[in-house]
Protein backbone atom coordinates (compact mmCIF):
# COMPACT_ATOMS: atom_id res chain seq x y z
CA MET A 1 20.56 -18.09 34.80
CA LYS A 2 19.90 -14.37 34.57
CA LYS A 3 21.66 -14.20 31.24
CA LYS A 4 19.55 -17.09 29.88
CA LEU A 5 16.35 -15.33 31.15
CA LEU A 6 17.43 -11.95 29.55
CA LEU A 7 18.24 -13.74 26.26
CA LEU A 8 14.77 -15.45 26.28
CA ILE A 9 13.11 -12.00 26.82
CA CYS A 10 14.97 -10.45 24.00
CA LEU A 11 14.13 -13.30 21.66
CA THR A 12 10.45 -12.95 22.55
CA THR A 13 10.50 -9.30 21.99
CA LEU A 14 12.06 -9.67 18.59
CA THR A 15 9.70 -12.59 17.59
CA PHE A 16 6.48 -10.99 18.79
CA ALA A 17 6.52 -7.28 17.72
CA GLU A 18 3.68 -5.35 19.14
CA ILE A 19 1.32 -3.14 17.12
CA PRO A 20 -1.43 -0.92 18.61
CA LYS A 21 -4.52 -2.91 19.82
CA SER A 22 -6.76 -1.14 17.12
CA PHE A 23 -4.56 -2.47 14.33
CA SER A 24 -4.38 -5.96 12.79
CA TYR A 25 -2.14 -7.93 10.47
CA VAL A 26 -4.30 -8.32 7.46
CA LYS A 27 -3.31 -11.87 6.72
CA ASP A 28 -4.59 -12.94 10.15
CA LYS A 29 -8.13 -11.95 9.20
CA ILE A 30 -8.09 -12.44 5.55
CA PRO A 31 -5.85 -15.51 4.87
CA THR A 32 -6.53 -15.70 1.22
CA ILE A 33 -5.45 -12.18 0.39
CA GLU A 34 -2.11 -11.93 -1.67
CA LEU A 35 0.74 -9.62 -0.48
CA GLU A 36 3.50 -7.90 -2.44
CA LEU A 37 4.70 -5.23 -0.14
CA ARG A 38 6.81 -3.23 -2.55
CA TYR A 39 8.49 -1.01 0.08
CA ALA A 40 9.88 -3.93 1.88
CA SER A 41 11.78 -4.79 -1.26
CA ARG A 42 13.88 -2.89 -3.91
CA ASN A 43 11.03 -3.09 -6.38
CA ASN A 44 9.87 0.40 -5.98
CA PHE A 45 10.30 3.99 -7.26
CA VAL A 46 13.11 4.55 -4.82
CA GLY A 47 15.01 1.30 -5.69
CA GLU A 48 15.75 0.24 -2.06
CA VAL A 49 14.08 -1.12 0.91
CA ILE A 50 12.31 1.76 2.64
CA ASP A 51 12.85 2.83 6.18
CA GLY A 52 10.50 1.16 8.73
CA TYR A 53 9.77 -1.98 6.55
CA LEU A 54 11.41 -4.85 8.30
CA ALA A 55 9.09 -7.50 6.89
CA SER A 56 6.67 -8.06 4.07
CA LYS A 57 3.61 -7.81 6.12
CA ALA A 58 0.41 -5.75 5.62
CA ILE A 59 -1.00 -3.92 8.70
CA LEU A 60 -4.10 -1.88 8.83
CA THR A 61 -6.60 -0.54 11.44
CA THR A 62 -8.90 -3.45 12.45
CA LYS A 63 -11.77 -1.38 11.23
CA ALA A 64 -10.29 -1.13 7.63
CA THR A 65 -9.27 -4.76 7.64
CA LEU A 66 -12.84 -5.97 8.40
CA ALA A 67 -14.10 -3.84 5.53
CA LEU A 68 -11.45 -5.13 3.24
CA ALA A 69 -12.52 -8.74 4.17
CA LYS A 70 -15.97 -7.96 2.66
CA VAL A 71 -14.35 -6.79 -0.54
CA GLN A 72 -12.32 -10.04 -0.71
CA LYS A 73 -15.42 -12.19 -0.02
CA GLU A 74 -17.43 -10.60 -2.76
CA LEU A 75 -14.53 -10.89 -5.36
CA ASP A 76 -14.06 -14.50 -4.31
CA SER A 77 -17.45 -15.40 -5.69
CA PHE A 78 -16.23 -14.42 -9.13
CA GLY A 79 -12.94 -16.27 -8.87
CA LEU A 80 -11.08 -12.94 -8.13
CA GLY A 81 -9.23 -11.59 -5.12
CA LEU A 82 -6.97 -8.69 -3.91
CA LYS A 83 -3.27 -8.30 -3.83
CA ILE A 84 -1.87 -5.59 -1.43
CA PHE A 85 1.08 -3.38 -2.44
CA ASP A 86 1.13 -1.19 0.65
CA ALA A 87 -1.07 -0.68 3.72
CA TYR A 88 -0.01 1.10 6.98
CA ARG A 89 3.14 3.09 6.28
CA PRO A 90 5.43 4.36 9.06
CA GLN A 91 6.01 8.08 9.12
CA ARG A 92 9.80 7.27 8.92
CA ALA A 93 9.05 5.70 5.45
CA VAL A 94 7.44 8.88 4.33
CA ASP A 95 10.50 10.90 5.52
CA HIS A 96 12.66 8.48 3.44
CA PHE A 97 10.53 9.42 0.36
CA VAL A 98 10.98 13.08 1.11
CA ARG A 99 14.77 12.74 1.33
CA TRP A 100 14.89 10.72 -1.77
CA GLY A 101 12.79 13.38 -3.59
CA ARG A 102 15.19 16.12 -2.61
CA ASP A 103 18.14 14.16 -3.97
CA LEU A 104 17.74 15.23 -7.66
CA GLY A 105 20.79 13.19 -8.65
CA ASP A 106 19.30 9.87 -7.82
CA LYS A 107 17.22 8.95 -10.89
CA LYS A 108 17.93 5.26 -11.20
CA MET A 109 14.20 4.26 -11.28
CA LYS A 110 13.00 7.18 -13.41
CA LEU A 111 12.41 5.31 -16.69
CA GLU A 112 10.23 2.76 -14.95
CA TYR A 113 8.25 4.97 -12.58
CA TYR A 114 8.22 8.55 -13.66
CA PRO A 115 9.55 8.85 -17.25
CA THR A 116 7.42 11.93 -18.12
CA VAL A 117 7.80 13.75 -14.80
CA GLU A 118 10.78 15.73 -13.75
CA LYS A 119 12.06 14.68 -10.21
CA ARG A 120 12.11 18.29 -9.14
CA ASN A 121 8.35 18.54 -9.72
CA LEU A 122 7.41 15.44 -7.72
CA PHE A 123 6.44 17.52 -4.69
CA LYS A 124 4.73 20.27 -6.67
CA GLU A 125 2.68 17.63 -8.63
CA GLY A 126 1.53 15.82 -5.54
CA TYR A 127 3.44 12.61 -5.96
CA ILE A 128 5.45 13.01 -2.78
CA ALA A 129 4.30 14.72 0.41
CA LYS A 130 5.57 15.06 4.06
CA ARG A 131 2.47 13.36 5.32
CA SER A 132 0.63 10.28 4.02
CA GLY A 133 -2.83 8.92 4.78
CA HIS A 134 -1.14 5.46 4.90
CA SER A 135 0.42 6.47 8.21
CA ARG A 136 -3.04 6.88 9.81
CA GLY A 137 -3.49 3.16 9.20
CA SER A 138 -6.62 3.06 7.06
CA THR A 139 -5.30 3.69 3.58
CA ILE A 140 -4.29 0.81 1.29
CA ASP A 141 -2.77 0.35 -2.26
CA LEU A 142 -3.97 -2.84 -4.02
CA THR A 143 -5.18 -4.47 -7.20
CA ILE A 144 -7.38 -7.38 -8.32
CA ILE A 145 -5.90 -10.72 -9.23
CA ASP A 146 -7.28 -14.00 -10.78
CA LEU A 147 -7.44 -16.45 -7.98
CA LYS A 148 -6.38 -19.48 -9.96
CA THR A 149 -3.46 -17.97 -11.81
CA LYS A 150 -2.66 -15.15 -9.23
CA LYS A 151 -2.09 -12.90 -12.31
CA GLU A 152 -3.12 -9.29 -11.76
CA LEU A 153 -5.86 -7.80 -13.93
CA ASP A 154 -4.51 -5.31 -16.41
CA MET A 155 -5.22 -1.72 -15.05
CA GLY A 156 -3.48 0.11 -17.80
CA SER A 157 -0.48 1.14 -15.75
CA SER A 158 1.85 -0.28 -13.22
CA PHE A 159 1.56 0.34 -9.47
CA ASP A 160 3.15 3.57 -8.47
CA PHE A 161 3.62 4.89 -11.97
CA PHE A 162 3.79 8.66 -11.55
CA GLY A 163 1.76 10.22 -14.46
CA LYS A 164 -1.68 10.75 -15.83
CA LYS A 165 -1.83 7.25 -17.08
CA SER A 166 -2.52 6.17 -13.43
CA TRP A 167 -5.41 8.56 -12.89
CA VAL A 168 -8.73 6.53 -12.31
CA HIS A 169 -10.46 8.16 -15.29
CA TYR A 170 -7.59 8.32 -17.76
CA GLY A 171 -9.12 7.75 -21.16
CA ASN A 172 -6.25 6.51 -23.33
CA ILE A 173 -6.42 2.92 -22.24
CA THR A 174 -8.39 -0.04 -23.49
CA SER A 175 -12.01 -0.76 -22.67
CA GLN A 176 -10.94 -3.85 -20.71
CA GLN A 177 -8.51 -1.82 -18.69
CA ARG A 178 -11.16 0.78 -17.98
CA ALA A 179 -13.55 -1.95 -16.92
CA ASN A 180 -10.97 -3.46 -14.52
CA ARG A 181 -10.38 -0.11 -12.90
CA MET A 182 -14.12 0.47 -12.66
CA LEU A 183 -14.60 -2.97 -10.96
CA LEU A 184 -11.83 -2.21 -8.33
CA ASN A 185 -13.35 1.33 -7.74
CA GLN A 186 -16.85 0.07 -7.39
CA VAL A 187 -16.34 -2.80 -5.10
CA MET A 188 -14.01 -0.80 -2.79
CA ILE A 189 -16.45 2.01 -2.54
CA LYS A 190 -19.30 -0.38 -1.88
CA TYR A 191 -17.70 -1.46 1.38
CA GLY A 192 -16.78 1.97 2.64
CA PHE A 193 -13.56 3.02 0.96
CA LYS A 194 -13.12 6.23 -0.98
CA ALA A 195 -10.91 6.49 -4.05
CA TYR A 196 -7.98 8.83 -4.94
CA SER A 197 -8.48 10.28 -8.51
CA GLN A 198 -4.81 10.24 -9.42
CA GLU A 199 -4.01 6.65 -8.45
CA TRP A 200 -6.22 3.78 -9.40
CA TRP A 201 -4.75 1.54 -6.62
CA HIS A 202 -5.27 3.96 -3.69
CA PHE A 203 -8.20 3.76 -1.30
CA THR A 204 -8.84 5.18 2.25
CA LEU A 205 -11.59 3.97 4.63
CA GLU A 206 -14.37 6.63 4.55
CA ASN A 207 -14.83 6.68 8.36
CA GLU A 208 -11.26 5.99 9.37
CA PRO A 209 -10.71 5.89 13.13
CA TYR A 210 -7.59 8.07 13.13
CA LYS A 211 -8.20 11.13 10.82
CA ASN A 212 -5.49 13.37 12.43
CA ARG A 213 -2.96 10.91 13.93
CA TYR A 214 0.19 9.69 12.06
CA PHE A 215 1.80 6.48 13.34
CA ASP A 216 5.45 5.50 13.18
CA PHE A 217 5.75 1.95 14.61
CA LYS A 218 7.73 -0.35 12.23
CA VAL A 219 6.29 -2.97 9.92
CA GLU A 220 7.67 -6.23 11.33
């Protein structure tokens, strides 16, 4: 009887992972949002599942999630919506990036993600850091999609491309690509997010609740 009870407790713990009370699973509050959590897969600049990502789930502070819901609602009226690439990121995932960045021999994803940047310069040029706003829980990487086709709007570069082509105001792209970036930028800013000039997909809630705290609970 005791063994059965212990097994039930263990299964319950594995099934219902706890996150801090001030955080939410984004899908719970925005069911129509699309997810493509890159770091829970091998489709990323490292080329492997990143430490701390045990499931393809987006987690944010509840405050950021509610602001994001307003963005989704406005886009929906135009037949558009959001797709999330990354949201809350455990500190252990950032540590994984740092270890990878120091391994100069591992360049298997270079052609796709950083063809014009030397790997030894990724720290110096700001593509990798020991701390990330994502670990504070109110930073998100995302794009806009067509709700009918689920196809991403063309932003002029792929997500996580390391180079000037990903800068918000990069000029050597088409007028439609610039317009798509402007749309994403403006609607996110309208509902309280601030942009990052070197990554068109990256936004942080202006009044984030944890400005100096970095979390490390797993994404599961």
